[in-house]
Amino acid sequence: MTSSISENQQPGKVSTNAFSVASLVTGIASLVINIFGVIGLIAFVFGIIGYRQIQTTGQKGKGFSIAGMILGFIGIALGIFVIITLATTPHLKG
């Protein structure tokens, strides 16, 4: 007998999508540790994957995905700003 309920999950309880949680966590991290927007990009991609999975599986975490995508986008924008600032600062040019 096969079941769609995992061993750790109780019947009737809907789990939170892991990609949506990862999106939120990396989105927050992208604001703190901004490595030229790379972490923000990861957060944005995780958010898209999580959002699509939630639409098909009915899991929880839609808000986490949306928040992760927004924070990821802000992280990307900050990364682009840092790159432009470093490229145009006169005292940093050899």
Protein backbone atom coordinates (compact mmCIF):
# COMPACT_ATOMS: atom_id res chain seq x y z
CA MET A 1 0.00 0.00 0.00
CA THR A 2 1.52 3.28 -1.09
CA SER A 3 0.68 6.60 0.47
CA SER A 4 1.53 10.20 -0.36
CA ILE A 5 2.02 10.95 3.35
CA SER A 6 5.61 10.66 4.51
CA GLU A 7 6.53 8.82 7.69
CA ASN A 8 7.26 12.08 9.55
CA GLN A 9 4.01 13.74 8.53
CA GLN A 10 0.69 13.19 10.24
CA PRO A 11 -2.47 12.72 8.18
CA GLY A 12 -4.33 15.98 7.55
CA LYS A 13 -1.31 18.22 8.10
CA VAL A 14 0.14 20.12 5.16
CA SER A 15 3.89 20.68 5.19
CA THR A 16 5.73 23.88 4.34
CA ASN A 17 7.64 23.84 1.09
CA ALA A 18 11.40 23.57 1.67
CA PHE A 19 12.32 25.79 -1.29
CA SER A 20 10.11 28.58 0.05
CA VAL A 21 11.84 28.43 3.43
CA ALA A 22 15.25 28.34 1.72
CA SER A 23 14.20 31.34 -0.38
CA LEU A 24 13.30 33.37 2.70
CA VAL A 25 16.50 32.43 4.54
CA THR A 26 18.77 33.19 1.58
CA GLY A 27 16.81 36.39 0.89
CA ILE A 28 17.52 37.62 4.40
CA ALA A 29 21.15 36.51 4.08
CA SER A 30 21.48 38.43 0.81
CA LEU A 31 20.80 41.67 2.67
CA VAL A 32 23.41 40.89 5.33
CA ILE A 33 26.06 39.12 3.26
CA ASN A 34 25.90 40.65 -0.18
CA ILE A 35 28.39 38.97 -2.50
CA PHE A 36 27.66 41.06 -5.61
CA GLY A 37 24.03 39.88 -5.66
CA VAL A 38 24.78 36.16 -5.99
CA ILE A 39 22.94 35.17 -2.81
CA GLY A 40 20.02 37.36 -3.86
CA LEU A 41 19.88 35.54 -7.19
CA ILE A 42 19.82 32.19 -5.38
CA ALA A 43 16.99 33.45 -3.15
CA PHE A 44 15.02 34.62 -6.19
CA VAL A 45 15.44 31.28 -7.98
CA PHE A 46 14.50 29.30 -4.85
CA GLY A 47 11.42 31.50 -4.50
CA ILE A 48 10.29 30.78 -8.05
CA ILE A 49 10.84 27.04 -7.63
CA GLY A 50 9.02 27.01 -4.29
CA TYR A 51 6.10 29.07 -5.60
CA ARG A 52 5.62 26.74 -8.57
CA GLN A 53 5.81 23.64 -6.37
CA ILE A 54 3.25 25.13 -3.97
CA GLN A 55 0.85 25.72 -6.84
CA THR A 56 1.04 22.06 -7.86
CA THR A 57 1.32 20.33 -4.46
CA GLY A 58 -0.84 22.55 -2.26
CA GLN A 59 1.85 22.90 0.39
CA LYS A 60 2.19 25.90 2.67
CA GLY A 61 4.81 28.63 2.26
CA LYS A 62 3.49 30.87 -0.51
CA GLY A 63 4.24 33.97 1.57
CA PHE A 64 7.75 32.71 2.30
CA SER A 65 8.36 32.31 -1.44
CA ILE A 66 7.06 35.77 -2.26
CA ALA A 67 9.06 37.38 0.57
CA GLY A 68 12.19 35.47 -0.49
CA MET A 69 11.77 36.64 -4.09
CA ILE A 70 11.34 40.26 -2.98
CA LEU A 71 14.34 40.13 -0.64
CA GLY A 72 16.35 38.33 -3.32
CA PHE A 73 15.51 41.06 -5.83
CA ILE A 74 16.60 43.72 -3.32
CA GLY A 75 19.82 41.74 -2.75
CA ILE A 76 20.45 41.64 -6.50
CA ALA A 77 19.82 45.39 -6.77
CA LEU A 78 22.23 46.06 -3.89
CA GLY A 79 24.83 43.86 -5.56
CA ILE A 80 24.49 45.76 -8.83
CA PHE A 81 24.76 49.04 -6.91
CA VAL A 82 27.97 47.84 -5.22
CA ILE A 83 29.47 46.77 -8.55
CA ILE A 84 28.64 50.11 -10.18
CA THR A 85 29.95 52.04 -7.17
CA LEU A 86 33.22 50.11 -7.14
CA ALA A 87 33.64 50.52 -10.90
CA THR A 88 33.06 54.28 -10.88
CA THR A 89 34.90 55.32 -7.73
CA PRO A 90 37.96 57.32 -8.87
CA HIS A 91 40.28 56.48 -5.99
CA LEU A 92 39.87 52.76 -6.62
CA LYS A 93 40.95 52.96 -10.24
CA GLY A 94 44.64 52.19 -10.57
